[in-house]
Amino acid sequence: MPGILDNPTLNRVRRNHGLEHASIHILSRQFPGQSFSGHSDTSGFWLFGKVDTETIANAVTEALSRLQNGEKNLAIHSNCGTNFVTYGFAAGMASLIALMGAKTPKAKLERLPLVTVFATLALILSQPLGYKVQQRITVESDPGNMQILDVIRSIRGNVVVHRITTRG
């Protein structure tokens, strides 16, 4: 029985997300210290970072080739929003547990050290979980027969953004 992750629309987003991450890995190695970020959808992804279009196109092409040749680790990124959501959820749940039974504002304030310890432990312990959630849910490391259709640069204020359009 097919699961929700087998949905063609969701699977396209997941494959684009993997290519986005792989592209950011390659760009980050070429431009250490420079910040890159992205956002994926069914038609491709947006890449934010002050780099020329040819460099972006070359990085995306290399990323696709390397993913298609089995470098699955490129699809997982430490700064993925999935990680941050996982960490935040774990810290929030740990804080909620630490506050259980505290009915008054004074009782809640007295538990602040316990909340801090629980939240910190949750942040530490949830790190491997964030990567697993990426691997199994939000990212697909196999791009299949994906093709890069277009790389278009635009500037919005001081922000340089490239739209990468994919098919397949």
C-alpha atoms as a PDB file:
ATOM      1  CA  MET A   1       0.000   0.000   0.000  1.00  0.00           C
ATOM      2  CA  PRO A   2       1.553   3.322  -1.012  1.00  0.00           C
ATOM      3  CA  GLY A   3       2.204   5.862   1.714  1.00  0.00           C
ATOM      4  CA  ILE A   4       1.849   9.628   1.689  1.00  0.00           C
ATOM      5  CA  LEU A   5       5.528  10.027   0.782  1.00  0.00           C
ATOM      6  CA  ASP A   6       4.795   8.199  -2.485  1.00  0.00           C
ATOM      7  CA  ASN A   7       2.432  10.999  -3.558  1.00  0.00           C
ATOM      8  CA  PRO A   8       3.919  12.349  -6.820  1.00  0.00           C
ATOM      9  CA  THR A   9       3.504  16.002  -5.826  1.00  0.00           C
ATOM     10  CA  LEU A  10       5.101  15.528  -2.411  1.00  0.00           C
ATOM     11  CA  ASN A  11       7.842  13.381  -3.909  1.00  0.00           C
ATOM     12  CA  ARG A  12       8.763  16.163  -6.376  1.00  0.00           C
ATOM     13  CA  VAL A  13       9.115  18.642  -3.514  1.00  0.00           C
ATOM     14  CA  ARG A  14      11.260  16.147  -1.586  1.00  0.00           C
ATOM     15  CA  ARG A  15      13.544  15.532  -4.615  1.00  0.00           C
ATOM     16  CA  ASN A  16      13.887  19.276  -5.251  1.00  0.00           C
ATOM     17  CA  HIS A  17      14.659  19.723  -1.546  1.00  0.00           C
ATOM     18  CA  GLY A  18      17.462  17.158  -1.856  1.00  0.00           C
ATOM     19  CA  LEU A  19      18.892  18.931  -4.904  1.00  0.00           C
ATOM     20  CA  GLU A  20      18.632  22.269  -3.089  1.00  0.00           C
ATOM     21  CA  HIS A  21      20.657  20.898  -0.168  1.00  0.00           C
ATOM     22  CA  ALA A  22      23.246  19.314  -2.449  1.00  0.00           C
ATOM     23  CA  SER A  23      23.646  22.597  -4.334  1.00  0.00           C
ATOM     24  CA  ILE A  24      24.114  24.506  -1.082  1.00  0.00           C
ATOM     25  CA  HIS A  25      26.758  21.997   0.056  1.00  0.00           C
ATOM     26  CA  ILE A  26      28.725  22.555  -3.155  1.00  0.00           C
ATOM     27  CA  LEU A  27      28.375  26.345  -3.023  1.00  0.00           C
ATOM     28  CA  SER A  28      29.353  26.434   0.664  1.00  0.00           C
ATOM     29  CA  ARG A  29      32.580  24.579  -0.110  1.00  0.00           C
ATOM     30  CA  GLN A  30      33.383  26.979  -2.952  1.00  0.00           C
ATOM     31  CA  PHE A  31      32.542  30.072  -0.872  1.00  0.00           C
ATOM     32  CA  PRO A  32      33.356  29.311   2.775  1.00  0.00           C
ATOM     33  CA  GLY A  33      31.823  31.778   5.191  1.00  0.00           C
ATOM     34  CA  GLN A  34      29.159  32.922   2.737  1.00  0.00           C
ATOM     35  CA  SER A  35      25.544  32.302   3.636  1.00  0.00           C
ATOM     36  CA  PHE A  36      23.221  30.342   1.356  1.00  0.00           C
ATOM     37  CA  SER A  37      19.641  29.274   1.867  1.00  0.00           C
ATOM     38  CA  GLY A  38      16.843  27.863  -0.210  1.00  0.00           C
ATOM     39  CA  HIS A  39      13.197  26.966  -0.470  1.00  0.00           C
ATOM     40  CA  SER A  40      11.832  24.048  -2.507  1.00  0.00           C
ATOM     41  CA  ASP A  41       8.500  23.479  -4.210  1.00  0.00           C
ATOM     42  CA  THR A  42       7.044  21.202  -6.899  1.00  0.00           C
ATOM     43  CA  SER A  43       8.645  23.096  -9.793  1.00  0.00           C
ATOM     44  CA  GLY A  44      12.159  23.469  -8.393  1.00  0.00           C
ATOM     45  CA  PHE A  45      13.673  25.676  -5.741  1.00  0.00           C
ATOM     46  CA  TRP A  46      14.854  29.160  -4.855  1.00  0.00           C
ATOM     47  CA  LEU A  47      18.488  29.705  -3.896  1.00  0.00           C
ATOM     48  CA  PHE A  48      19.467  32.802  -1.918  1.00  0.00           C
ATOM     49  CA  GLY A  49      23.093  33.938  -1.979  1.00  0.00           C
ATOM     50  CA  LYS A  50      25.242  36.558  -3.675  1.00  0.00           C
ATOM     51  CA  VAL A  51      26.836  34.452  -6.406  1.00  0.00           C
ATOM     52  CA  ASP A  52      26.716  34.845 -10.167  1.00  0.00           C
ATOM     53  CA  THR A  53      24.259  32.808 -12.218  1.00  0.00           C
ATOM     54  CA  GLU A  54      26.890  30.724 -14.011  1.00  0.00           C
ATOM     55  CA  THR A  55      28.342  29.593 -10.676  1.00  0.00           C
ATOM     56  CA  ILE A  56      24.866  28.672  -9.411  1.00  0.00           C
ATOM     57  CA  ALA A  57      24.066  26.774 -12.619  1.00  0.00           C
ATOM     58  CA  ASN A  58      27.363  24.860 -12.420  1.00  0.00           C
ATOM     59  CA  ALA A  59      26.800  23.995  -8.742  1.00  0.00           C
ATOM     60  CA  VAL A  60      23.247  22.770  -9.372  1.00  0.00           C
ATOM     61  CA  THR A  61      24.390  20.690 -12.353  1.00  0.00           C
ATOM     62  CA  GLU A  62      27.222  19.159 -10.301  1.00  0.00           C
ATOM     63  CA  ALA A  63      24.849  18.520  -7.400  1.00  0.00           C
ATOM     64  CA  LEU A  64      22.360  16.702  -9.640  1.00  0.00           C
ATOM     65  CA  SER A  65      25.100  14.591 -11.192  1.00  0.00           C
ATOM     66  CA  ARG A  66      26.571  13.649  -7.826  1.00  0.00           C
ATOM     67  CA  LEU A  67      23.151  12.740  -6.391  1.00  0.00           C
ATOM     68  CA  GLN A  68      22.384  10.622  -9.463  1.00  0.00           C
ATOM     69  CA  ASN A  69      25.735   8.881  -8.920  1.00  0.00           C
ATOM     70  CA  GLY A  70      24.769   7.890  -5.379  1.00  0.00           C
ATOM     71  CA  GLU A  71      26.187  10.639  -3.120  1.00  0.00           C
ATOM     72  CA  LYS A  72      23.068  10.581  -0.932  1.00  0.00           C
ATOM     73  CA  ASN A  73      24.771  12.422   1.932  1.00  0.00           C
ATOM     74  CA  LEU A  74      24.662  15.641  -0.136  1.00  0.00           C
ATOM     75  CA  ALA A  75      20.862  15.733   0.231  1.00  0.00           C
ATOM     76  CA  ILE A  76      21.057  16.136   4.021  1.00  0.00           C
ATOM     77  CA  HIS A  77      21.999  19.526   5.451  1.00  0.00           C
ATOM     78  CA  SER A  78      22.661  20.551   9.052  1.00  0.00           C
ATOM     79  CA  ASN A  79      20.915  23.914   8.619  1.00  0.00           C
ATOM     80  CA  CYS A  80      17.724  22.479   7.176  1.00  0.00           C
ATOM     81  CA  GLY A  81      14.513  23.910   8.574  1.00  0.00           C
ATOM     82  CA  THR A  82      13.425  20.335   9.313  1.00  0.00           C
ATOM     83  CA  ASN A  83      16.181  20.129  11.924  1.00  0.00           C
ATOM     84  CA  PHE A  84      15.154  23.419  13.524  1.00  0.00           C
ATOM     85  CA  VAL A  85      11.483  22.405  13.688  1.00  0.00           C
ATOM     86  CA  THR A  86      12.441  19.037  15.193  1.00  0.00           C
ATOM     87  CA  TYR A  87      14.666  20.682  17.807  1.00  0.00           C
ATOM     88  CA  GLY A  88      12.050  23.291  18.649  1.00  0.00           C
ATOM     89  CA  PHE A  89       9.313  20.695  19.003  1.00  0.00           C
ATOM     90  CA  ALA A  90      11.489  18.542  21.272  1.00  0.00           C
ATOM     91  CA  ALA A  91      12.467  21.535  23.433  1.00  0.00           C
ATOM     92  CA  GLY A  92       8.850  22.673  23.639  1.00  0.00           C
ATOM     93  CA  MET A  93       7.631  19.231  24.678  1.00  0.00           C
ATOM     94  CA  ALA A  94      10.414  18.922  27.263  1.00  0.00           C
ATOM     95  CA  SER A  95       9.482  22.324  28.675  1.00  0.00           C
ATOM     96  CA  LEU A  96       5.841  21.315  28.848  1.00  0.00           C
ATOM     97  CA  ILE A  97       6.763  18.155  30.746  1.00  0.00           C
ATOM     98  CA  ALA A  98       8.918  20.158  33.159  1.00  0.00           C
ATOM     99  CA  LEU A  99       5.977  22.472  33.870  1.00  0.00           C
ATOM    100  CA  MET A 100       3.412  19.711  34.428  1.00  0.00           C
ATOM    101  CA  GLY A 101       1.630  20.173  37.724  1.00  0.00           C
ATOM    102  CA  ALA A 102       2.790  23.758  38.231  1.00  0.00           C
ATOM    103  CA  LYS A 103      -0.511  25.632  38.529  1.00  0.00           C
ATOM    104  CA  THR A 104       0.449  29.124  39.659  1.00  0.00           C
ATOM    105  CA  PRO A 105       2.764  31.637  37.987  1.00  0.00           C
ATOM    106  CA  LYS A 106       5.046  31.414  41.045  1.00  0.00           C
ATOM    107  CA  ALA A 107       5.247  27.613  40.778  1.00  0.00           C
ATOM    108  CA  LYS A 108       6.034  27.893  37.064  1.00  0.00           C
ATOM    109  CA  LEU A 109       8.760  30.464  37.715  1.00  0.00           C
ATOM    110  CA  GLU A 110      10.294  28.219  40.388  1.00  0.00           C
ATOM    111  CA  ARG A 111      10.578  25.484  37.762  1.00  0.00           C
ATOM    112  CA  LEU A 112      12.522  27.684  35.336  1.00  0.00           C
ATOM    113  CA  PRO A 113      15.846  25.913  36.111  1.00  0.00           C
ATOM    114  CA  LEU A 114      14.180  22.533  35.470  1.00  0.00           C
ATOM    115  CA  VAL A 115      12.607  23.823  32.240  1.00  0.00           C
ATOM    116  CA  THR A 116      16.032  25.049  31.115  1.00  0.00           C
ATOM    117  CA  VAL A 117      17.674  21.691  31.830  1.00  0.00           C
ATOM    118  CA  PHE A 118      14.884  19.714  30.113  1.00  0.00           C
ATOM    119  CA  ALA A 119      14.876  21.994  27.050  1.00  0.00           C
ATOM    120  CA  THR A 120      18.672  21.868  26.757  1.00  0.00           C
ATOM    121  CA  LEU A 121      18.728  18.083  26.998  1.00  0.00           C
ATOM    122  CA  ALA A 122      15.964  17.872  24.411  1.00  0.00           C
ATOM    123  CA  LEU A 123      17.945  20.087  22.020  1.00  0.00           C
ATOM    124  CA  ILE A 124      21.031  17.913  22.418  1.00  0.00           C
ATOM    125  CA  LEU A 125      19.236  14.588  22.190  1.00  0.00           C
ATOM    126  CA  SER A 126      17.005  15.580  19.263  1.00  0.00           C
ATOM    127  CA  GLN A 127      19.865  16.375  16.879  1.00  0.00           C
ATOM    128  CA  PRO A 128      20.113  12.863  15.425  1.00  0.00           C
ATOM    129  CA  LEU A 129      16.321  12.836  15.144  1.00  0.00           C
ATOM    130  CA  GLY A 130      16.353  15.973  12.961  1.00  0.00           C
ATOM    131  CA  TYR A 131      18.652  14.245  10.471  1.00  0.00           C
ATOM    132  CA  LYS A 132      16.460  11.131  10.480  1.00  0.00           C
ATOM    133  CA  VAL A 133      13.337  13.205   9.812  1.00  0.00           C
ATOM    134  CA  GLN A 134      15.123  14.789   6.851  1.00  0.00           C
ATOM    135  CA  GLN A 135      16.281  11.417   5.502  1.00  0.00           C
ATOM    136  CA  ARG A 136      12.921   9.727   5.829  1.00  0.00           C
ATOM    137  CA  ILE A 137      10.344  12.465   5.367  1.00  0.00           C
ATOM    138  CA  THR A 138      11.317  15.889   4.010  1.00  0.00           C
ATOM    139  CA  VAL A 139      14.173  15.043   1.610  1.00  0.00           C
ATOM    140  CA  GLU A 140      14.570  12.485  -1.169  1.00  0.00           C
ATOM    141  CA  SER A 141      18.213  11.799  -1.983  1.00  0.00           C
ATOM    142  CA  ASP A 142      17.456  10.005  -5.264  1.00  0.00           C
ATOM    143  CA  PRO A 143      16.566  12.603  -7.900  1.00  0.00           C
ATOM    144  CA  GLY A 144      15.619   9.909 -10.387  1.00  0.00           C
ATOM    145  CA  ASN A 145      15.384  11.267 -13.939  1.00  0.00           C
ATOM    146  CA  MET A 146      15.237  14.903 -12.822  1.00  0.00           C
ATOM    147  CA  GLN A 147      16.445  17.542 -15.266  1.00  0.00           C
ATOM    148  CA  ILE A 148      17.377  21.170 -14.697  1.00  0.00           C
ATOM    149  CA  LEU A 149      15.312  23.350 -17.013  1.00  0.00           C
ATOM    150  CA  ASP A 150      16.335  26.857 -16.067  1.00  0.00           C
ATOM    151  CA  VAL A 151      18.381  28.997 -13.680  1.00  0.00           C
ATOM    152  CA  ILE A 152      17.125  32.584 -13.515  1.00  0.00           C
ATOM    153  CA  ARG A 153      18.627  35.363 -11.394  1.00  0.00           C
ATOM    154  CA  SER A 154      16.654  38.161  -9.796  1.00  0.00           C
ATOM    155  CA  ILE A 155      17.427  40.807  -7.215  1.00  0.00           C
ATOM    156  CA  ARG A 156      14.894  41.851  -4.595  1.00  0.00           C
ATOM    157  CA  GLY A 157      16.271  44.786  -2.661  1.00  0.00           C
ATOM    158  CA  ASN A 158      19.682  43.643  -1.455  1.00  0.00           C
ATOM    159  CA  VAL A 159      18.778  39.970  -1.835  1.00  0.00           C
ATOM    160  CA  VAL A 160      20.111  37.970  -4.783  1.00  0.00           C
ATOM    161  CA  VAL A 161      17.907  35.001  -5.556  1.00  0.00           C
ATOM    162  CA  HIS A 162      18.061  32.346  -8.268  1.00  0.00           C
ATOM    163  CA  ARG A 163      15.068  30.328  -9.368  1.00  0.00           C
ATOM    164  CA  ILE A 164      16.030  26.817 -10.390  1.00  0.00           C
ATOM    165  CA  THR A 165      13.308  25.065 -12.360  1.00  0.00           C
ATOM    166  CA  THR A 166      13.336  21.267 -12.666  1.00  0.00           C
ATOM    167  CA  ARG A 167      11.395  18.528 -14.429  1.00  0.00           C
ATOM    168  CA  GLY A 168      11.107  14.806 -13.906  1.00  0.00           C
END
